[in-house]
Amino acid sequence: MNLLAIRNVGKNFGGLKVLDDVSFDVPAGSIFGLIGPNGAGKTTVFNLVTGLLQASSGSIAFQGRDLAGTEPHSITRLGIARTFQNIRIFKQMTLLENVMVGMHHLISYRPLALFFATPAYRSAERQARERALELLSWLKLEHQANMIANKLSYGDQRKLEFARALATEPKLLLLDEPVAGMNPAEKTALMDEIRNIRDRGYGIFLIEHDMRFVMGLCERIAVLNFGRIIAEGPPEEIRNNPDVIEAYLGREDPEDGP
């Protein structure tokens, strides 16, 4: 079953065509990668899926539901969560508080319950704290739950952002350049943690420039170049595709000599 179906999607900004007839599927319970050179249109795809932009043509469906015209907060409620290239956490809050913020639309109690600290309020808060600690443990951050977020290493700030996205209880998690700025050891650890998230039943859709990371993690990859999909398939097929090689390395001019 496919979680996300993108069909013949185009996106224009004035006279500039950023995406042209883009189609692919993101299967449930899989790790799917979208790669391509800088400026290929990858982040625009994420912005369309999450409702920050609207497609100029084509359709985007999540679990069979057309997302056209759906507001970003409603898309989150449907089950799509996202991280960004630039880390967006609340740096003066604790890790636990950061993750609990992601649960705000799931915690239900009346304003008076908060004011009077009723049993319903205390129960909802306790459940939220327990869930937040569980999510932090998935990323091996639970021992730092009460630390202020700006004291974390860069790699752990990235992982905190993942935990907060998971707090919205998504079915599909979009990761925008998840290992940007990480060292090799951090990348290897994160690869295992993303697999663990997938194994817990989440779909993963990621954009990344680190080809070793993508090829070692993704089960299927689509390649975007100048706004068009030029290849799609398993990692080994993508690695050896001449169009993909040309997109990244350029075509050698046979007339050029030593």
Protein backbone atom coordinates (compact mmCIF):
# COMPACT_ATOMS: atom_id res chain seq x y z
CA MET A 1 0.00 0.00 0.00
CA ASN A 2 1.22 3.50 -0.81
CA LEU A 3 1.04 6.21 1.84
CA LEU A 4 1.80 9.02 -0.58
CA ALA A 5 0.94 9.22 -4.28
CA ILE A 6 2.35 12.11 -6.32
CA ARG A 7 0.90 12.30 -9.83
CA ASN A 8 1.99 14.60 -12.68
CA VAL A 9 2.79 17.42 -10.28
CA GLY A 10 4.01 20.74 -11.62
CA LYS A 11 4.92 23.91 -9.75
CA ASN A 12 5.46 27.31 -11.31
CA PHE A 13 6.67 30.50 -9.67
CA GLY A 14 5.58 33.13 -12.17
CA GLY A 15 7.25 32.15 -15.43
CA LEU A 16 9.71 29.79 -13.73
CA LYS A 17 8.80 26.09 -13.84
CA VAL A 18 10.36 24.45 -10.77
CA LEU A 19 8.65 21.04 -11.05
CA ASP A 20 7.42 19.43 -14.25
CA ASP A 21 5.22 16.31 -14.41
CA VAL A 22 6.64 14.73 -11.24
CA SER A 23 5.20 11.33 -10.29
CA PHE A 24 6.19 8.71 -7.72
CA ASP A 25 4.80 6.73 -4.75
CA VAL A 26 6.03 6.40 -1.17
CA PRO A 27 5.05 2.94 0.12
CA ALA A 28 3.86 2.39 3.69
CA GLY A 29 6.48 1.04 6.09
CA SER A 30 9.40 1.93 3.82
CA ILE A 31 12.34 4.33 3.64
CA PHE A 32 12.08 6.31 0.40
CA GLY A 33 14.69 8.81 -0.77
CA LEU A 34 14.47 11.78 -3.11
CA ILE A 35 17.85 12.93 -4.39
CA GLY A 36 19.17 15.33 -7.00
CA PRO A 37 21.63 18.19 -7.51
CA ASN A 38 21.18 21.52 -5.75
CA GLY A 39 18.25 23.44 -7.20
CA ALA A 40 16.56 20.32 -8.60
CA GLY A 41 13.29 21.06 -6.74
CA LYS A 42 13.50 18.58 -3.85
CA THR A 43 12.51 20.93 -1.04
CA THR A 44 9.68 22.26 -3.21
CA VAL A 45 8.27 18.71 -3.24
CA PHE A 46 8.33 18.64 0.57
CA ASN A 47 6.68 22.07 0.73
CA LEU A 48 3.89 20.84 -1.56
CA VAL A 49 3.31 17.65 0.44
CA THR A 50 3.09 19.58 3.73
CA GLY A 51 0.82 22.32 2.38
CA LEU A 52 3.30 25.19 2.56
CA LEU A 53 2.84 25.50 -1.21
CA GLN A 54 0.07 24.45 -3.58
CA ALA A 55 0.78 22.57 -6.81
CA SER A 56 0.20 24.34 -10.12
CA SER A 57 -0.90 21.06 -11.69
CA GLY A 58 -1.26 17.39 -10.86
CA SER A 59 -2.30 15.82 -7.54
CA ILE A 60 -0.85 14.75 -4.21
CA ALA A 61 -2.78 12.14 -2.21
CA PHE A 62 -2.09 10.82 1.29
CA GLN A 63 -3.71 7.46 2.05
CA GLY A 64 -6.00 8.07 -0.92
CA ARG A 65 -7.06 11.56 0.21
CA ASP A 66 -6.33 14.47 -2.12
CA LEU A 67 -4.35 17.13 -0.23
CA ALA A 68 -5.18 20.01 -2.59
CA GLY A 69 -6.14 23.09 -0.57
CA THR A 70 -5.45 21.43 2.78
CA GLU A 71 -3.83 23.68 5.37
CA PRO A 72 -0.47 22.63 6.90
CA HIS A 73 -1.93 22.08 10.40
CA SER A 74 -4.64 19.85 8.92
CA ILE A 75 -2.02 17.83 7.03
CA THR A 76 -0.21 17.31 10.33
CA ARG A 77 -3.44 16.02 11.87
CA LEU A 78 -3.87 13.63 8.93
CA GLY A 79 -0.52 12.05 9.79
CA ILE A 80 2.37 13.79 8.01
CA ALA A 81 5.23 15.29 10.03
CA ARG A 82 8.35 17.04 8.84
CA THR A 83 11.81 18.24 9.84
CA PHE A 84 13.68 21.09 8.11
CA GLN A 85 17.16 21.69 6.70
CA ASN A 86 17.73 24.31 9.39
CA ILE A 87 17.09 22.92 12.86
CA ARG A 88 13.94 24.38 14.41
CA ILE A 89 13.77 23.55 18.10
CA PHE A 90 12.93 25.64 21.16
CA LYS A 91 16.46 26.09 22.42
CA GLN A 92 15.54 27.54 25.82
CA MET A 93 13.18 24.66 26.65
CA THR A 94 14.15 21.22 27.89
CA LEU A 95 14.19 18.23 25.58
CA LEU A 96 11.09 16.89 27.33
CA GLU A 97 9.24 20.20 26.86
CA ASN A 98 10.25 20.34 23.18
CA VAL A 99 8.71 16.94 22.52
CA MET A 100 5.58 17.67 24.54
CA VAL A 101 4.99 20.78 22.42
CA GLY A 102 4.55 18.45 19.45
CA MET A 103 1.64 16.77 21.25
CA HIS A 104 -0.45 19.90 21.81
CA HIS A 105 -3.18 18.88 19.36
CA LEU A 106 -3.42 15.42 20.92
CA ILE A 107 -3.85 16.52 24.55
CA SER A 108 -7.52 17.19 25.30
CA TYR A 109 -8.71 19.03 28.41
CA ARG A 110 -10.72 22.18 29.00
CA PRO A 111 -9.03 25.50 29.90
CA LEU A 112 -10.56 25.37 33.39
CA ALA A 113 -8.96 21.97 33.91
CA LEU A 114 -5.58 23.60 33.37
CA PHE A 115 -6.40 26.50 35.71
CA PHE A 116 -7.59 24.25 38.53
CA ALA A 117 -5.14 21.38 37.79
CA THR A 118 -7.98 18.87 37.75
CA PRO A 119 -7.42 15.09 37.69
CA ALA A 120 -8.16 15.10 33.93
CA TYR A 121 -5.43 17.67 33.36
CA ARG A 122 -2.90 15.84 35.54
CA SER A 123 -3.66 12.55 33.81
CA ALA A 124 -3.25 14.06 30.33
CA GLU A 125 0.04 15.71 31.32
CA ARG A 126 1.36 12.48 32.84
CA GLN A 127 0.53 10.52 29.70
CA ALA A 128 2.19 13.17 27.54
CA ARG A 129 5.36 13.10 29.64
CA GLU A 130 5.52 9.30 29.46
CA ARG A 131 5.09 9.35 25.68
CA ALA A 132 7.69 12.10 25.29
CA LEU A 133 10.20 10.11 27.32
CA GLU A 134 9.48 7.05 25.19
CA LEU A 135 10.13 9.00 21.99
CA LEU A 136 13.34 10.45 23.39
CA SER A 137 14.45 6.90 24.24
CA TRP A 138 14.00 5.88 20.60
CA LEU A 139 16.66 8.46 19.70
CA LYS A 140 18.77 7.64 22.80
CA LEU A 141 18.13 11.05 24.36
CA GLU A 142 16.04 10.08 27.38
CA HIS A 143 18.96 10.55 29.80
CA GLN A 144 19.08 14.22 28.77
CA ALA A 145 15.33 14.80 28.99
CA ASN A 146 15.64 17.68 31.48
CA MET A 147 18.57 19.39 29.75
CA ILE A 148 18.06 22.75 28.03
CA ALA A 149 18.04 22.04 24.29
CA ASN A 150 20.70 24.60 23.32
CA LYS A 151 23.27 22.60 25.33
CA LEU A 152 22.91 19.59 23.01
CA SER A 153 25.44 18.75 20.34
CA TYR A 154 24.42 19.57 16.77
CA GLY A 155 23.70 15.91 16.01
CA ASP A 156 21.53 15.50 19.10
CA GLN A 157 19.59 18.66 18.23
CA ARG A 158 18.75 16.99 14.92
CA LYS A 159 17.55 13.90 16.76
CA LEU A 160 15.46 16.02 19.12
CA GLU A 161 13.74 17.50 16.10
CA PHE A 162 12.91 13.94 14.94
CA ALA A 163 11.45 13.10 18.36
CA ARG A 164 9.28 16.22 18.31
CA ALA A 165 8.02 15.37 14.81
CA LEU A 166 7.16 11.86 15.99
CA ALA A 167 5.21 13.39 18.88
CA THR A 168 2.51 14.45 16.40
CA GLU A 169 1.84 10.71 15.87
CA PRO A 170 2.48 10.72 12.11
CA LYS A 171 2.14 7.86 9.70
CA LEU A 172 4.69 9.45 7.35
CA LEU A 173 7.83 11.29 8.51
CA LEU A 174 9.52 13.68 6.07
CA LEU A 175 13.22 14.29 6.79
CA ASP A 176 14.89 17.21 5.00
CA GLU A 177 18.66 16.58 4.88
CA PRO A 178 18.73 14.70 8.20
CA VAL A 179 22.50 14.22 8.40
CA ALA A 180 23.58 17.70 7.29
CA GLY A 181 26.43 18.82 9.54
CA MET A 182 26.88 15.42 11.23
CA ASN A 183 30.17 13.56 11.55
CA PRO A 184 30.51 9.96 10.24
CA ALA A 185 29.82 8.35 13.62
CA GLU A 186 26.66 10.42 14.09
CA LYS A 187 25.49 9.50 10.58
CA THR A 188 25.94 5.79 11.24
CA ALA A 189 24.05 6.01 14.53
CA LEU A 190 21.22 7.97 12.93
CA MET A 191 20.94 5.44 10.12
CA ASP A 192 20.22 2.72 12.71
CA GLU A 193 17.75 4.93 14.55
CA ILE A 194 15.83 5.75 11.35
CA ARG A 195 15.59 2.04 10.57
CA ASN A 196 14.24 1.46 14.08
CA ILE A 197 11.59 4.15 13.51
CA ARG A 198 10.61 2.46 10.24
CA ASP A 199 10.41 -0.90 12.02
CA ARG A 200 7.92 0.61 14.47
CA GLY A 201 5.52 1.14 11.58
CA TYR A 202 6.32 4.62 10.27
CA GLY A 203 6.89 5.52 6.65
CA ILE A 204 10.04 7.58 6.02
CA PHE A 205 10.49 9.98 3.08
CA LEU A 206 13.81 11.79 3.04
CA ILE A 207 15.87 14.27 1.05
CA GLU A 208 19.63 13.99 1.44
CA HIS A 209 22.83 14.93 -0.37
CA ASP A 210 25.05 12.33 1.32
CA MET A 211 24.95 9.53 -1.25
CA ARG A 212 26.59 6.95 0.99
CA PHE A 213 23.89 7.56 3.60
CA VAL A 214 21.06 7.41 1.05
CA MET A 215 22.34 4.31 -0.71
CA GLY A 216 22.89 2.52 2.60
CA LEU A 217 19.49 3.39 4.06
CA CYS A 218 16.79 3.81 1.41
CA GLU A 219 14.92 0.89 -0.11
CA ARG A 220 13.81 2.93 -3.09
CA ILE A 221 15.06 6.22 -4.53
CA ALA A 222 13.73 8.78 -7.00
CA VAL A 223 16.10 11.21 -8.71
CA LEU A 224 15.02 14.76 -9.53
CA ASN A 225 16.94 16.92 -12.00
CA PHE A 226 15.82 20.33 -13.31
CA GLY A 227 12.36 19.65 -11.90
CA ARG A 228 11.81 16.27 -13.57
CA ILE A 229 12.14 12.69 -12.34
CA ILE A 230 14.93 11.08 -14.37
CA ALA A 231 15.14 7.74 -12.55
CA GLU A 232 13.43 5.69 -9.85
CA GLY A 233 14.33 2.33 -8.37
CA PRO A 234 16.37 0.46 -5.76
CA PRO A 235 19.78 1.88 -4.72
CA GLU A 236 21.91 -0.38 -6.91
CA GLU A 237 19.92 0.51 -10.00
CA ILE A 238 20.13 4.23 -9.24
CA ARG A 239 23.86 4.03 -8.54
CA ASN A 240 24.55 2.63 -12.01
CA ASN A 241 22.03 4.70 -13.98
CA PRO A 242 23.87 6.73 -16.65
CA ASP A 243 21.35 9.59 -16.48
CA VAL A 244 21.92 9.90 -12.73
CA ILE A 245 25.68 9.82 -13.16
CA GLU A 246 25.45 12.55 -15.78
CA ALA A 247 23.19 14.69 -13.57
CA TYR A 248 25.73 14.63 -10.76
CA LEU A 249 28.99 14.57 -12.68
CA GLY A 250 28.10 16.10 -16.05
CA ARG A 251 28.63 14.63 -19.48
CA GLU A 252 32.20 14.31 -20.69
CA ASP A 253 32.74 16.10 -23.98
CA PRO A 254 34.33 13.58 -26.38
CA GLU A 255 36.17 16.43 -28.12
CA ASP A 256 37.95 17.43 -24.94
CA GLY A 257 41.43 16.02 -24.83
CA PRO A 258 44.35 16.02 -22.43
